[in-house]
Structures are given as C-alpha cells and as structure tokens.
Protein backbone atom coordinates (compact mmCIF):
# COMPACT_ATOMS: atom_id res chain seq x y z
CA MET A 1 -17.67 -11.47 12.72
CA LYS A 2 -14.07 -9.46 11.68
CA ASN A 3 -14.28 -6.64 13.74
CA THR A 4 -12.42 -7.97 17.00
CA LEU A 5 -12.34 -7.16 20.45
CA LYS A 6 -8.87 -8.70 22.22
CA ILE A 7 -7.37 -8.85 25.71
CA ASN A 8 -3.73 -8.57 25.81
CA PHE A 9 -2.82 -10.09 29.43
CA ALA A 10 0.95 -9.22 29.22
CA GLU A 11 0.53 -5.36 28.28
CA ARG A 12 -3.13 -5.35 31.08
CA LYS A 13 -5.17 -3.82 27.38
CA ILE A 14 -7.91 -4.38 26.01
CA VAL A 15 -7.20 -3.93 21.98
CA MET A 16 -10.70 -3.78 19.94
CA ASP A 17 -9.56 -3.03 15.25
CA ARG A 18 -11.22 0.19 14.19
CA GLU A 19 -14.54 -1.27 12.78
CA PHE A 20 -15.31 -2.74 16.77
CA SER A 21 -14.61 0.36 18.10
CA THR A 22 -16.78 2.17 15.91
CA ARG A 23 -19.79 -0.16 16.43
CA ALA A 24 -19.01 0.05 20.19
CA THR A 25 -20.12 3.85 19.93
CA ASN A 26 -23.75 3.12 19.01
CA PRO A 27 -25.01 1.71 23.25
CA PHE A 28 -27.64 -0.24 21.76
CA SER A 29 -24.84 -2.52 19.00
CA PRO A 30 -23.84 -6.17 20.35
CA GLU A 31 -20.61 -4.92 20.39
CA TYR A 32 -20.87 -1.82 23.12
CA LEU A 33 -22.27 -4.79 25.44
CA LYS A 34 -19.25 -6.90 24.77
CA LEU A 35 -16.72 -3.94 25.85
CA GLN A 36 -18.63 -2.89 29.09
CA ALA A 37 -18.75 -6.69 29.94
CA VAL A 38 -14.58 -6.82 29.47
CA ARG A 39 -14.06 -3.95 30.68
CA ALA A 40 -16.27 -4.84 33.94
CA ASP A 41 -14.32 -8.66 33.90
CA TYR A 42 -11.01 -6.30 33.76
CA PRO A 43 -11.81 -3.02 35.22
CA ASN A 44 -7.75 -2.19 35.78
CA PHE A 45 -6.78 -2.73 31.65
CA THR A 46 -7.22 0.27 29.36
CA VAL A 47 -9.15 -0.28 26.18
CA VAL A 48 -6.71 0.70 23.58
CA ARG A 49 -7.57 1.06 19.15
CA LYS A 50 -5.25 -1.11 17.72
CA THR A 51 -3.19 0.52 14.44
CA ILE A 52 -1.64 -0.50 11.79
CA LYS A 53 2.23 0.43 11.81
CA LYS A 54 2.90 2.16 8.21
CA ASN A 55 6.54 1.53 6.72
CA PRO A 56 7.62 4.79 5.97
CA HIS A 57 10.42 3.52 3.79
CA LYS A 58 8.00 2.03 1.31
CA GLU A 59 7.99 2.76 -2.43
CA THR A 60 4.90 3.31 -4.05
CA TYR A 61 4.60 4.32 -7.89
CA LYS A 62 0.96 5.45 -7.77
CA GLY A 63 0.32 5.60 -11.80
CA LEU A 64 2.19 2.63 -12.64
CA SER A 65 -0.88 0.89 -14.36
CA TYR A 66 -0.47 -2.02 -16.87
CA GLN A 67 -1.53 0.21 -18.90
CA TYR A 68 1.53 2.83 -18.35
CA MET A 69 3.62 -0.13 -18.36
CA GLU A 70 2.74 -1.00 -21.77
CA ASP A 71 2.39 2.73 -23.31
CA TYR A 72 5.68 3.22 -22.31
CA ILE A 73 7.21 -0.18 -23.46
CA THR A 74 5.55 1.06 -26.45
CA THR A 75 6.66 4.97 -26.75
CA HIS A 76 10.77 4.34 -25.48
CA GLU A 77 11.50 1.14 -27.15
CA PRO A 78 13.39 0.57 -29.87
CA ARG A 79 11.65 -0.63 -33.19
CA GLU A 80 13.74 -2.97 -33.32
CA THR A 81 13.09 -4.69 -29.81
CA ARG A 82 9.54 -3.33 -29.32
CA LYS A 83 7.56 -6.40 -30.47
CA ALA A 84 9.87 -8.53 -28.74
CA VAL A 85 9.50 -6.51 -25.17
CA LEU A 86 5.82 -6.21 -25.58
CA GLU A 87 5.51 -10.09 -26.17
CA GLU A 88 7.47 -10.67 -23.19
CA PHE A 89 5.08 -7.83 -20.81
CA TYR A 90 1.69 -9.86 -22.68
CA GLU A 91 3.56 -13.02 -21.29
CA LYS A 92 4.29 -11.68 -18.00
CA ARG A 93 0.84 -10.89 -17.48
CA LEU A 94 -0.98 -14.02 -18.71
CA ILE A 95 1.43 -16.09 -16.47
CA SER A 96 0.71 -14.44 -13.23
CA GLN A 97 -3.09 -15.33 -13.96
CA CYS A 98 -1.40 -18.68 -12.11
CA HIS A 99 -0.51 -16.80 -9.14
CA SER A 100 -3.25 -15.65 -6.58
CA GLN A 101 -4.27 -11.49 -7.04
CA ALA A 102 -1.54 -10.31 -4.31
CA PHE A 103 1.35 -12.02 -6.45
CA ARG A 104 0.15 -10.57 -9.97
CA TYR A 105 0.87 -6.89 -9.92
CA PRO A 106 3.94 -6.85 -7.69
CA VAL A 107 6.03 -9.66 -10.25
CA ILE A 108 5.26 -7.25 -13.35
CA LYS A 109 5.90 -4.17 -11.99
CA GLN A 110 9.50 -5.44 -10.33
CA TRP A 111 10.12 -6.59 -14.17
CA PHE A 112 9.50 -3.48 -15.22
CA LEU A 113 11.58 -1.44 -13.12
CA ALA A 114 14.57 -3.97 -13.29
CA ARG A 115 13.73 -3.05 -17.36
CA TYR A 116 12.99 0.75 -16.84
CA PRO A 117 15.11 1.73 -13.62
CA GLU A 118 14.95 5.32 -15.04
CA ILE A 119 10.95 4.88 -14.23
CA ALA A 120 12.06 4.16 -10.30
CA GLU A 121 14.09 7.74 -10.25
CA PHE A 122 10.89 9.98 -12.32
CA GLY A 123 10.07 12.81 -10.47
CA ILE A 124 12.79 12.89 -7.80
CA GLU A 125 14.89 16.11 -8.15
CA THR A 126 19.20 15.62 -7.80
CA LYS A 127 20.76 17.84 -5.96
CA GLU A 128 22.07 20.04 -8.93
CA GLU A 129 18.17 20.13 -10.29
CA THR A 130 17.67 22.01 -6.92
CA LEU A 131 20.74 24.60 -7.26
CA LEU A 132 19.74 25.37 -10.83
CA LYS A 133 16.28 25.90 -10.42
CA PRO A 134 15.26 29.68 -11.17
CA LEU A 135 14.52 31.39 -8.39
CA LYS A 136 10.70 33.05 -8.34
CA GLU A 137 10.72 36.68 -9.13
CA THR A 138 9.31 38.97 -6.48
CA ALA A 139 7.07 41.94 -7.78
C-alpha cells in the first residue's frame, strides 16, 4: 500500500498523503479506521495532509518533444550540417535508451538547448518589445 500515514513526533503531527486523505473520508474504509486509531493514541497531535513543495523557478519547456526537436533541426539547420546534426540527435536518442526512463529526455533536452539556445528564449518578451507594442485602440 503506497498511501501512508506517518507520525511526526518532533512537530506533534499526524501526516497523511493525498491518497490516504481521500480514502479516509469514507468511514467504512480501512484508512478511516487507521486514522481514528492513531488519533485516539495521540489526541494532542494535529492531523495534516502532506503537500509536495513545488519549485517556482523550475524552467519547463512545454511542447519540446522529440518530434519538435527533429523538425526544428530539419528546418533551422543549414543544409551542409543538417545530416550530421540529425545523425547526432538520433545517436543521442539511441544511447539514451540505455539509461533509465528518468534520464532519457533530460539529457537530450539539455543537448538540444545547448545547441539551440534561442529556444529557451522563445516566447519571452524583452523590455524593448513590450515598450514598442502598439496600444489597443479604444472604440
């Protein structure tokens, strides 16, 4: 069972994950019974639901798929180097198959962004572009 209920003695808290919390809302479930038993054992502890901390500074590139990378190389790379770069891309994808699932995409994404840094800047307006934008006319 992956859903958990833990007791944090230092902070005097009963911590449950999201799945356990959802299942504990049903009074006929085993999770509800476990929660009530722990609450009876530790009446002065507060019950909290564990939250995952999100990194607000994490850079994400939505839509940056293998197909997009291949299309970008095909359309933006000069004809002389296109074949060599595509072969390097395919080789990196083949080598990545040897790694675990978690390391496959990030390695290729890092290589692609290092080779084409303009992709990281795509969609970000510069200060000058913002100032030069025409104002909407009011009717």
